[in-house]
Amino acid sequence: MYKNLNTSQLKETYRLLTKEYQKVKEKGLFLDMSRGKPAPDQLALSDPMNDIITSDIDFSNDGGLDVRNYGAPEGVPEAREFFAKLFQVETENVIVGGSSSLNLMFDAIGRAMIHGIMGSTPWSKLDKVKFLCPSPGYDRHFSITEYYNIEMIAIPMLEDGPDMGTVARYVEEDEAVKGIWCVPKYSNPTGITYSERVVNAFASLKPKAKDFRIFWDNAYYVHDVFEADQLYSIIKACEEAGNPDLVYQFASTSKITYPGAGISAIVASKANIKDTLDKLSYQTICYDKVNQLRHVRFLRDPDDLAAHMKKHAVMLAPKFQMVKEELEKELASTGVAQWTNPNGGYFISVDVYPGTAKRTVALCKEAGLILTGAGATFPYGKDPEDKNIRIAPTYPSVEELKTAMELFCLCVRLAAVEKLMGQ
């Protein structure tokens, strides 16, 4: 345990770690683990989808809709049905969009800013608008609310989801609180899946603001790598609690087929869907229905989707295992880091010695390893303890990942010893 070392022992450890670090720097590495991207072999799993759309196919769906033409802003009926089956709702509860669910979230907040939600006062006309941000969380969520000048409030993440006592206090006492960001299954970056208790607590909220909405980003709903976590349906929970309009659920195929050419969806109450479509009609005549149709013909139904995702899991499992093994081997005995052990998703969250996350990331960069910036997983990029680092193991090969993790662990140890010597 590094914290038990005396001054001379720390100095000697520092000397040895620095010598090792200089040797690594001389190798001239360049490894990029800054984003959670599918690897090329994962993308190749969906290449047969490109053979579905050819010049001689029938571009009409089962109901005779010509997907090449205008119309159906709510999405191709078969695509709506696909997401409806996946999330166990009615087709009328679904809007299918373009390649990015993040774009759907951005637009949802934009509509609320300009026109309000279901007749409420537009957020832009209010003195203050606040959003709750479970942290560590998804940096791009926080970027959206920061873009709209919405005040962000960090909410602690517990082992089974956000601290719901804190959430309830803000939501039920402050009318300026209009929403909360959530990644409920294999949360980015911790890999936590919200418990049924947490889901039901969300559904039972009694917001002071009638236009409060839960932004439920179910990005990793089918992204199991090891034993599958179970997530209770927020739509069902809200209906059972008598709060059907409380949530917007978002999903996409971004890490199922092609991140740059997938399809996305909003799943919500019929009232929320109507309110969204009424405003959406001014924004677009329709999304890319040709792409929606080819996705449905490729993925077919939830059973075929599950089979497809098992192929992803076979590729990802060795990478997640490699990260866990290196962390355990290099850091467990030092006492300067803790990490999550997710069953799926795209990330592993590492808490390094407090006050050393930025230094660790900088050391990695100097030696050729690019990571997500320290602090990115908190609102405004400010980690109050400067300790959280997001590891994205999916894109590199297993061999590259081993090299990257050896360097990462070395930098974690070196930064910790520097800090302890300073103290």
Foldseek 3Di string as FASTA:
>chain_A
DQLPDDLVRLVVVLVVLVVVLVVLLVVVAAAEFADQAFAPVLQVLQVVLVVPDDPPDQCADPVRDRLVDFADQQADQLLLVQVCQVQVHDSLQKRKFWLDLLVVVLVVLVCQQPPNAPRDDRLVPDPAAEEEEAPLAALSVLVSCVVVVHHYDYFYADQQGTPLVVVLCCFAPPQNYAEYEEQQALTVAARHHHDPVVLLSLLQRDGPHPNHAYEHEPACVLFFQAPDDDHDRSCVSNVVNVNQQRYWYKYWCCSLHPSVGTMMMTGGDSSRSVRVVVVCVVVDSHHNRSSSVSVCVCCVHPVSSNVSSNVVSVQCVLQLVLLVVLCCVLPVVPPFKDWHRHRGDFKIKMFGHFPQLQQLQVSLVSSNYHYHHQQSSDNPSDDPRSGIGIGGRRHDHSVVSNSSSNSSSSSSVSSVSVVSSVD
